[in-house]
């Protein structure tokens, strides 16, 4: 499994989001009978999209202010541990934003079966991307990072 995880880590998180969104769309195309339409569906999807973008922008801004890396490809390049602001509520607010983007997409598509891809996205991110980042951050920041992990949940 470690070898598979190392192989899959080359796909950056935006690529994982794009792949998941594509699979959600394809699922909706193939399973039209599972369509759901309700009043306010598109405005709700847009609100979810806006919430996702705000969470992601806040996280990027806080990482930039701390002069640490935003890119998760090499978490060992982190120069400081950011635990304030939006990071008080989620250790991974950008990935939470990605999940909200996918949820907004599912709402926009209006197909119930497309939601089935969301647990797969979460599982992949937990097992591959986040696990690698957490190992690197624990090695770099030690007890401070472990204490942070005990205080703040991984997603929300």
N, C-alpha and C. Protein backbone atom coordinates (compact mmCIF):
# COMPACT_ATOMS: atom_id res chain seq x y z
N UNK A 1 0.83 -1.20 0.00
CA UNK A 1 0.00 0.00 0.00
C UNK A 1 0.87 1.26 0.00
N UNK A 2 1.99 1.23 0.73
CA UNK A 2 2.87 2.40 0.77
C UNK A 2 3.40 2.72 -0.62
N UNK A 3 3.71 1.68 -1.40
CA UNK A 3 4.21 1.90 -2.76
C UNK A 3 3.12 2.53 -3.64
N UNK A 4 1.89 2.05 -3.49
CA UNK A 4 0.78 2.61 -4.24
C UNK A 4 0.56 4.06 -3.83
N UNK A 5 0.62 4.34 -2.53
CA UNK A 5 0.44 5.71 -2.04
C UNK A 5 1.50 6.63 -2.61
N UNK A 6 2.76 6.16 -2.64
CA UNK A 6 3.84 6.99 -3.18
C UNK A 6 3.61 7.24 -4.67
N UNK A 7 3.13 6.25 -5.37
CA UNK A 7 2.86 6.40 -6.80
C UNK A 7 1.72 7.39 -7.04
N UNK A 8 0.66 7.29 -6.25
CA UNK A 8 -0.50 8.16 -6.45
C UNK A 8 -0.27 9.58 -5.97
N UNK A 9 0.75 9.80 -5.13
CA UNK A 9 1.00 11.13 -4.58
C UNK A 9 1.42 12.12 -5.66
N UNK A 10 1.88 11.64 -6.81
CA UNK A 10 2.29 12.54 -7.87
C UNK A 10 1.13 13.36 -8.40
N UNK A 11 -0.09 12.87 -8.24
CA UNK A 11 -1.26 13.60 -8.72
C UNK A 11 -1.57 14.69 -7.71
N UNK A 12 -1.37 15.95 -8.08
CA UNK A 12 -1.60 17.04 -7.12
C UNK A 12 -3.07 17.14 -6.74
N UNK A 13 -3.37 17.67 -5.56
CA UNK A 13 -4.76 17.78 -5.12
C UNK A 13 -5.70 18.43 -6.14
N UNK A 14 -5.32 19.49 -6.85
CA UNK A 14 -6.25 20.00 -7.86
C UNK A 14 -6.56 18.97 -8.93
N UNK A 15 -5.60 18.11 -9.25
CA UNK A 15 -5.84 17.03 -10.20
C UNK A 15 -6.82 16.01 -9.66
N UNK A 16 -6.72 15.73 -8.37
CA UNK A 16 -7.66 14.80 -7.72
C UNK A 16 -9.06 15.39 -7.74
N UNK A 17 -9.16 16.69 -7.48
CA UNK A 17 -10.46 17.37 -7.52
C UNK A 17 -11.03 17.31 -8.94
N UNK A 18 -10.21 17.61 -9.94
CA UNK A 18 -10.67 17.59 -11.33
C UNK A 18 -11.10 16.18 -11.74
N UNK A 19 -10.33 15.18 -11.35
CA UNK A 19 -10.68 13.80 -11.67
C UNK A 19 -12.00 13.41 -11.01
N UNK A 20 -12.15 13.77 -9.75
CA UNK A 20 -13.39 13.46 -9.02
C UNK A 20 -14.57 14.17 -9.67
N UNK A 21 -14.40 15.45 -10.00
CA UNK A 21 -15.48 16.21 -10.64
C UNK A 21 -15.87 15.59 -11.98
N UNK A 22 -14.88 15.13 -12.72
CA UNK A 22 -15.16 14.48 -14.00
C UNK A 22 -15.95 13.19 -13.79
N UNK A 23 -15.55 12.41 -12.81
CA UNK A 23 -16.25 11.16 -12.53
C UNK A 23 -17.68 11.44 -12.06
N UNK A 24 -17.86 12.51 -11.30
CA UNK A 24 -19.20 12.90 -10.86
C UNK A 24 -20.07 13.25 -12.07
N UNK A 25 -19.50 14.00 -13.01
CA UNK A 25 -20.24 14.38 -14.21
C UNK A 25 -20.60 13.16 -15.04
N UNK A 26 -19.61 12.26 -15.23
CA UNK A 26 -19.87 11.05 -16.00
C UNK A 26 -20.95 10.19 -15.34
N UNK A 27 -20.90 10.11 -14.03
CA UNK A 27 -21.92 9.35 -13.30
C UNK A 27 -23.30 9.95 -13.55
N UNK A 28 -23.38 11.27 -13.49
CA UNK A 28 -24.65 11.94 -13.75
C UNK A 28 -25.15 11.70 -15.16
N UNK A 29 -24.23 11.64 -16.11
CA UNK A 29 -24.61 11.39 -17.50
C UNK A 29 -25.15 9.98 -17.70
N UNK A 30 -24.58 9.04 -16.97
CA UNK A 30 -24.96 7.63 -17.14
C UNK A 30 -26.15 7.23 -16.27
N UNK A 31 -26.43 8.01 -15.23
CA UNK A 31 -27.50 7.64 -14.29
C UNK A 31 -28.51 8.76 -14.19
N UNK A 32 -29.09 9.12 -15.31
CA UNK A 32 -30.05 10.21 -15.35
C UNK A 32 -31.28 9.99 -14.49
N UNK A 33 -31.61 8.74 -14.23
CA UNK A 33 -32.78 8.44 -13.41
C UNK A 33 -32.64 8.85 -11.95
N UNK A 34 -31.42 9.20 -11.56
CA UNK A 34 -31.16 9.59 -10.17
C UNK A 34 -31.11 11.11 -10.02
N UNK A 35 -31.62 11.82 -10.99
CA UNK A 35 -31.59 13.28 -10.95
C UNK A 35 -32.52 13.82 -9.88
N UNK A 36 -32.08 14.90 -9.29
CA UNK A 36 -32.84 15.59 -8.25
C UNK A 36 -32.88 17.07 -8.62
N UNK A 37 -34.08 17.62 -8.66
CA UNK A 37 -34.24 19.04 -8.94
C UNK A 37 -35.12 19.62 -7.85
N UNK A 38 -34.66 20.72 -7.27
CA UNK A 38 -35.47 21.38 -6.24
C UNK A 38 -35.28 22.89 -6.33
N UNK A 39 -36.23 23.59 -5.78
CA UNK A 39 -36.20 25.04 -5.81
C UNK A 39 -34.97 25.55 -5.05
N UNK A 40 -34.26 26.47 -5.65
CA UNK A 40 -33.08 27.03 -5.01
C UNK A 40 -31.82 26.20 -5.18
N UNK A 41 -31.87 25.21 -6.01
CA UNK A 41 -30.73 24.30 -6.19
C UNK A 41 -29.48 25.04 -6.67
N UNK A 42 -29.60 25.81 -7.75
CA UNK A 42 -28.44 26.52 -8.28
C UNK A 42 -27.93 27.59 -7.31
N UNK A 43 -28.80 28.38 -6.68
CA UNK A 43 -28.28 29.34 -5.69
C UNK A 43 -27.57 28.66 -4.52
N UNK A 44 -28.08 27.52 -4.10
CA UNK A 44 -27.41 26.78 -3.03
C UNK A 44 -26.04 26.29 -3.48
N UNK A 45 -25.95 25.81 -4.71
CA UNK A 45 -24.66 25.37 -5.25
C UNK A 45 -23.68 26.55 -5.32
N UNK A 46 -24.16 27.70 -5.74
CA UNK A 46 -23.30 28.88 -5.82
C UNK A 46 -22.86 29.35 -4.43
N UNK A 47 -23.75 29.26 -3.44
CA UNK A 47 -23.38 29.60 -2.07
C UNK A 47 -22.31 28.65 -1.55
N UNK A 48 -22.45 27.37 -1.85
CA UNK A 48 -21.46 26.37 -1.46
C UNK A 48 -20.13 26.67 -2.13
N UNK A 49 -20.17 27.04 -3.40
CA UNK A 49 -18.96 27.40 -4.14
C UNK A 49 -18.27 28.60 -3.50
N UNK A 50 -19.04 29.61 -3.18
CA UNK A 50 -18.50 30.81 -2.55
C UNK A 50 -17.87 30.48 -1.19
N UNK A 51 -18.54 29.65 -0.41
CA UNK A 51 -18.01 29.23 0.90
C UNK A 51 -16.68 28.51 0.72
N UNK A 52 -16.61 27.64 -0.27
CA UNK A 52 -15.37 26.90 -0.55
C UNK A 52 -14.25 27.86 -0.90
N UNK A 53 -14.53 28.80 -1.78
CA UNK A 53 -13.50 29.74 -2.22
C UNK A 53 -13.01 30.63 -1.08
N UNK A 54 -13.93 31.07 -0.22
CA UNK A 54 -13.54 31.89 0.93
C UNK A 54 -12.64 31.10 1.87
N UNK A 55 -13.00 29.86 2.17
CA UNK A 55 -12.18 29.03 3.05
C UNK A 55 -10.79 28.84 2.47
N UNK A 56 -10.71 28.56 1.19
CA UNK A 56 -9.42 28.34 0.54
C UNK A 56 -8.58 29.61 0.51
N UNK A 57 -9.21 30.73 0.18
CA UNK A 57 -8.48 32.00 0.13
C UNK A 57 -7.98 32.41 1.51
N UNK A 58 -8.79 32.22 2.54
CA UNK A 58 -8.34 32.52 3.90
C UNK A 58 -7.13 31.68 4.27
N UNK A 59 -7.17 30.41 3.93
CA UNK A 59 -6.05 29.52 4.25
C UNK A 59 -4.79 29.95 3.51
N UNK A 60 -4.91 30.24 2.23
CA UNK A 60 -3.75 30.66 1.45
C UNK A 60 -3.18 31.96 1.99
N UNK A 61 -4.06 32.89 2.32
CA UNK A 61 -3.63 34.18 2.87
C UNK A 61 -2.88 33.98 4.18
N UNK A 62 -3.39 33.10 5.06
CA UNK A 62 -2.72 32.87 6.35
C UNK A 62 -1.38 32.17 6.17
N UNK A 63 -1.29 31.24 5.25
CA UNK A 63 -0.01 30.58 4.98
C UNK A 63 0.98 31.58 4.38
N UNK A 64 0.51 32.43 3.50
CA UNK A 64 1.37 33.46 2.91
C UNK A 64 1.87 34.43 3.98
N UNK A 65 0.97 34.85 4.85
CA UNK A 65 1.36 35.77 5.94
C UNK A 65 2.42 35.16 6.85
N UNK A 66 2.33 33.85 7.05
CA UNK A 66 3.30 33.15 7.89
C UNK A 66 4.59 32.83 7.12
N UNK A 67 4.62 33.19 5.84
CA UNK A 67 5.77 32.94 4.97
C UNK A 67 6.16 31.46 4.94
N UNK A 68 5.14 30.65 4.79
CA UNK A 68 5.35 29.21 4.66
C UNK A 68 4.71 28.73 3.37
N UNK A 69 5.03 27.54 2.99
CA UNK A 69 4.56 27.02 1.71
C UNK A 69 3.06 26.75 1.69
N UNK A 70 2.47 27.01 0.57
CA UNK A 70 1.07 26.69 0.33
C UNK A 70 0.98 25.34 -0.39
N UNK A 71 2.03 25.00 -1.07
CA UNK A 71 2.05 23.79 -1.89
C UNK A 71 2.24 22.54 -1.03
N UNK A 72 1.34 21.59 -1.16
CA UNK A 72 1.41 20.39 -0.32
C UNK A 72 2.35 19.32 -0.86
N UNK A 73 2.98 19.56 -2.01
CA UNK A 73 3.79 18.52 -2.63
C UNK A 73 5.03 18.20 -1.82
N UNK A 74 5.54 19.17 -1.09
CA UNK A 74 6.70 18.95 -0.25
C UNK A 74 6.47 19.65 1.09
N UNK A 75 5.68 19.01 1.97
CA UNK A 75 5.35 19.67 3.24
C UNK A 75 6.58 19.90 4.11
N UNK A 76 7.67 19.24 3.82
CA UNK A 76 8.90 19.48 4.56
C UNK A 76 9.43 20.89 4.36
N UNK A 77 8.95 21.58 3.31
CA UNK A 77 9.36 22.96 3.07
C UNK A 77 8.63 23.96 3.97
N UNK A 78 7.74 23.47 4.80
CA UNK A 78 7.02 24.36 5.71
C UNK A 78 8.00 25.03 6.66
N UNK A 79 7.90 26.34 6.76
CA UNK A 79 8.81 27.08 7.63
C UNK A 79 8.18 27.41 8.97
N UNK A 80 6.86 27.32 9.05
CA UNK A 80 6.20 27.57 10.33
C UNK A 80 4.88 26.79 10.39
N UNK A 81 4.46 26.54 11.60
CA UNK A 81 3.21 25.82 11.84
C UNK A 81 2.10 26.86 12.03
N UNK A 82 1.15 26.87 11.14
CA UNK A 82 0.05 27.84 11.20
C UNK A 82 -1.12 27.18 11.90
N UNK A 83 -1.52 27.75 13.05
CA UNK A 83 -2.60 27.16 13.84
C UNK A 83 -3.72 28.15 14.14
N UNK A 84 -3.59 29.38 13.68
CA UNK A 84 -4.60 30.39 13.95
C UNK A 84 -5.54 30.58 12.78
N UNK A 85 -6.46 31.52 12.95
CA UNK A 85 -7.42 31.83 11.89
C UNK A 85 -8.26 30.61 11.54
N UNK A 86 -8.41 30.37 10.27
CA UNK A 86 -9.23 29.24 9.82
C UNK A 86 -8.61 27.90 10.22
N UNK A 87 -7.30 27.90 10.47
CA UNK A 87 -6.63 26.67 10.89
C UNK A 87 -6.98 26.29 12.34
N UNK A 88 -7.70 27.12 13.04
CA UNK A 88 -8.22 26.75 14.38
C UNK A 88 -9.38 25.79 14.26
N UNK A 89 -10.02 25.75 13.10
CA UNK A 89 -11.21 24.93 12.90
C UNK A 89 -10.95 23.69 12.04
N UNK A 90 -9.95 23.75 11.20
CA UNK A 90 -9.63 22.64 10.31
C UNK A 90 -8.13 22.62 10.07
N UNK A 91 -7.53 21.44 10.19
CA UNK A 91 -6.11 21.33 9.86
C UNK A 91 -5.88 21.40 8.36
N UNK A 92 -6.93 21.19 7.59
CA UNK A 92 -6.83 21.16 6.13
C UNK A 92 -7.92 21.99 5.47
N UNK A 93 -7.94 23.30 5.72
CA UNK A 93 -9.04 24.10 5.17
C UNK A 93 -9.05 24.16 3.64
N UNK A 94 -7.91 24.00 3.00
CA UNK A 94 -7.92 24.02 1.54
C UNK A 94 -8.57 22.74 1.02
N UNK A 95 -8.27 21.61 1.64
CA UNK A 95 -8.91 20.35 1.22
C UNK A 95 -10.39 20.36 1.59
N UNK A 96 -10.74 20.99 2.70
CA UNK A 96 -12.14 21.16 3.04
C UNK A 96 -12.82 22.01 1.96
N UNK A 97 -12.13 23.05 1.50
CA UNK A 97 -12.65 23.86 0.40
C UNK A 97 -12.83 23.04 -0.87
N UNK A 98 -11.86 22.15 -1.14
CA UNK A 98 -11.99 21.26 -2.29
C UNK A 98 -13.24 20.39 -2.17
N UNK A 99 -13.47 19.86 -0.98
CA UNK A 99 -14.65 19.03 -0.76
C UNK A 99 -15.93 19.84 -0.96
N UNK A 100 -15.94 21.07 -0.47
CA UNK A 100 -17.11 21.93 -0.66
C UNK A 100 -17.32 22.28 -2.13
N UNK A 101 -16.22 22.45 -2.87
CA UNK A 101 -16.33 22.65 -4.32
C UNK A 101 -17.01 21.46 -4.99
N UNK A 102 -16.59 20.27 -4.58
CA UNK A 102 -17.19 19.06 -5.16
C UNK A 102 -18.65 18.92 -4.75
N UNK A 103 -18.97 19.29 -3.53
CA UNK A 103 -20.36 19.26 -3.09
C UNK A 103 -21.19 20.26 -3.89
N UNK A 104 -20.62 21.45 -4.13
CA UNK A 104 -21.31 22.44 -4.96
C UNK A 104 -21.54 21.90 -6.37
N UNK A 105 -20.55 21.20 -6.90
CA UNK A 105 -20.67 20.60 -8.22
C UNK A 105 -21.77 19.55 -8.24
N UNK A 106 -21.82 18.72 -7.19
CA UNK A 106 -22.86 17.69 -7.10
C UNK A 106 -24.25 18.35 -7.06
N UNK A 107 -24.38 19.43 -6.31
CA UNK A 107 -25.66 20.14 -6.26
C UNK A 107 -26.01 20.70 -7.64
N UNK A 108 -25.03 21.26 -8.29
CA UNK A 108 -25.25 21.85 -9.61
C UNK A 108 -25.68 20.78 -10.61
N UNK A 109 -25.01 19.61 -10.55
CA UNK A 109 -25.35 18.51 -11.45
C UNK A 109 -26.74 17.96 -11.17
N UNK A 110 -27.12 17.99 -9.91
CA UNK A 110 -28.45 17.50 -9.55
C UNK A 110 -28.62 16.01 -9.71
N UNK A 111 -27.57 15.25 -9.48
CA UNK A 111 -27.66 13.79 -9.58
C UNK A 111 -27.20 13.17 -8.28
N UNK A 112 -28.11 12.47 -7.64
CA UNK A 112 -27.84 11.89 -6.32
C UNK A 112 -26.63 10.96 -6.33
N UNK A 113 -26.47 10.16 -7.38
CA UNK A 113 -25.36 9.20 -7.43
C UNK A 113 -23.98 9.87 -7.51
N UNK A 114 -23.93 11.09 -8.01
CA UNK A 114 -22.64 11.78 -8.07
C UNK A 114 -22.06 12.03 -6.68
N UNK A 115 -22.92 12.05 -5.67
CA UNK A 115 -22.46 12.23 -4.29
C UNK A 115 -21.61 11.06 -3.81
N UNK A 116 -21.75 9.91 -4.45
CA UNK A 116 -20.98 8.74 -4.03
C UNK A 116 -19.48 8.92 -4.21
N UNK A 117 -19.08 9.85 -5.05
CA UNK A 117 -17.66 10.10 -5.25
C UNK A 117 -17.04 10.88 -4.10
N UNK A 118 -17.85 11.57 -3.29
CA UNK A 118 -17.30 12.39 -2.21
C UNK A 118 -16.60 11.55 -1.13
N UNK A 119 -17.19 10.45 -0.65
CA UNK A 119 -16.44 9.63 0.32
C UNK A 119 -15.15 9.05 -0.26
N UNK A 120 -15.15 8.76 -1.55
CA UNK A 120 -13.93 8.27 -2.19
C UNK A 120 -12.86 9.37 -2.23
N UNK A 121 -13.28 10.59 -2.50
CA UNK A 121 -12.35 11.72 -2.47
C UNK A 121 -11.76 11.88 -1.07
N UNK A 122 -12.62 11.85 -0.06
CA UNK A 122 -12.15 12.00 1.32
C UNK A 122 -11.19 10.87 1.69
N UNK A 123 -11.55 9.65 1.34
CA UNK A 123 -10.70 8.50 1.65
C UNK A 123 -9.34 8.60 0.98
N UNK A 124 -9.34 8.97 -0.29
CA UNK A 124 -8.07 9.13 -1.00
C UNK A 124 -7.22 10.21 -0.35
N UNK A 125 -7.83 11.36 -0.11
CA UNK A 125 -7.07 12.47 0.47
C UNK A 125 -6.52 12.09 1.84
N UNK A 126 -7.32 11.41 2.67
CA UNK A 126 -6.85 10.99 3.99
C UNK A 126 -5.68 10.02 3.89
N UNK A 127 -5.82 9.02 3.04
CA UNK A 127 -4.83 7.94 2.96
C UNK A 127 -3.55 8.36 2.25
N UNK A 128 -3.67 9.18 1.23
CA UNK A 128 -2.51 9.48 0.40
C UNK A 128 -1.95 10.86 0.71
N UNK A 129 -2.69 11.89 0.39
CA UNK A 129 -2.16 13.25 0.49
C UNK A 129 -1.98 13.72 1.94
N UNK A 130 -3.03 13.65 2.72
CA UNK A 130 -2.97 14.18 4.08
C UNK A 130 -2.03 13.35 4.95
N UNK A 131 -2.05 12.03 4.79
CA UNK A 131 -1.17 11.18 5.60
C UNK A 131 0.30 11.54 5.37
N UNK A 132 0.68 11.76 4.11
CA UNK A 132 2.07 12.14 3.80
C UNK A 132 2.40 13.50 4.41
N UNK A 133 1.49 14.44 4.31
CA UNK A 133 1.72 15.76 4.87
C UNK A 133 1.84 15.70 6.39
N UNK A 134 0.97 14.91 7.02
CA UNK A 134 1.01 14.81 8.47
C UNK A 134 2.31 14.20 8.97
N UNK A 135 2.81 13.19 8.26
CA UNK A 135 4.10 12.59 8.65
C UNK A 135 5.21 13.63 8.57
N UNK A 136 5.23 14.39 7.47
CA UNK A 136 6.28 15.40 7.29
C UNK A 136 6.17 16.51 8.34
N UNK A 137 4.97 16.95 8.62
CA UNK A 137 4.79 18.03 9.60
C UNK A 137 5.11 17.54 11.02
N UNK A 138 4.76 16.31 11.33
CA UNK A 138 5.09 15.76 12.66
C UNK A 138 6.60 15.64 12.81
N UNK A 139 7.29 15.22 11.75
CA UNK A 139 8.74 15.11 11.81
C UNK A 139 9.39 16.49 11.97
N UNK A 140 8.82 17.49 11.34
CA UNK A 140 9.42 18.83 11.37
C UNK A 140 9.08 19.61 12.65
N UNK A 141 7.82 19.52 13.10
CA UNK A 141 7.37 20.35 14.22
C UNK A 141 7.14 19.58 15.51
N UNK A 142 7.26 18.27 15.47
CA UNK A 142 7.22 17.43 16.67
C UNK A 142 5.99 17.61 17.54
N UNK A 143 6.25 17.84 18.83
CA UNK A 143 5.18 17.90 19.83
C UNK A 143 4.19 19.03 19.55
N UNK A 144 4.67 20.13 19.01
CA UNK A 144 3.76 21.24 18.70
C UNK A 144 2.71 20.81 17.69
N UNK A 145 3.14 20.07 16.67
CA UNK A 145 2.20 19.60 15.67
C UNK A 145 1.26 18.54 16.25
N UNK A 146 1.79 17.63 17.04
CA UNK A 146 0.95 16.59 17.64
C UNK A 146 -0.10 17.20 18.56
N UNK A 147 0.29 18.23 19.32
CA UNK A 147 -0.67 18.94 20.18
C UNK A 147 -1.75 19.59 19.33
N UNK A 148 -1.34 20.20 18.23
CA UNK A 148 -2.29 20.82 17.30
C UNK A 148 -3.26 19.77 16.76
N UNK A 149 -2.77 18.60 16.42
CA UNK A 149 -3.62 17.52 15.91
C UNK A 149 -4.65 17.08 16.95
N UNK A 150 -4.29 17.13 18.22
CA UNK A 150 -5.23 16.75 19.28
C UNK A 150 -6.30 17.82 19.50
N UNK A 151 -5.97 19.06 19.20
CA UNK A 151 -6.91 20.17 19.41
C UNK A 151 -7.83 20.42 18.22
N UNK A 152 -7.34 20.16 17.01
CA UNK A 152 -8.08 20.55 15.80
C UNK A 152 -8.28 19.31 14.93
N UNK A 153 -9.50 19.15 14.46
CA UNK A 153 -9.83 17.99 13.63
C UNK A 153 -9.22 18.13 12.23
N UNK A 154 -9.08 17.02 11.57
CA UNK A 154 -8.46 16.96 10.26
C UNK A 154 -9.27 17.74 9.22
N UNK A 155 -10.57 17.57 9.21
CA UNK A 155 -11.42 18.23 8.21
C UNK A 155 -12.20 19.38 8.82
N UNK A 156 -13.04 19.07 9.80
CA UNK A 156 -13.85 20.14 10.43
C UNK A 156 -14.32 19.67 11.78
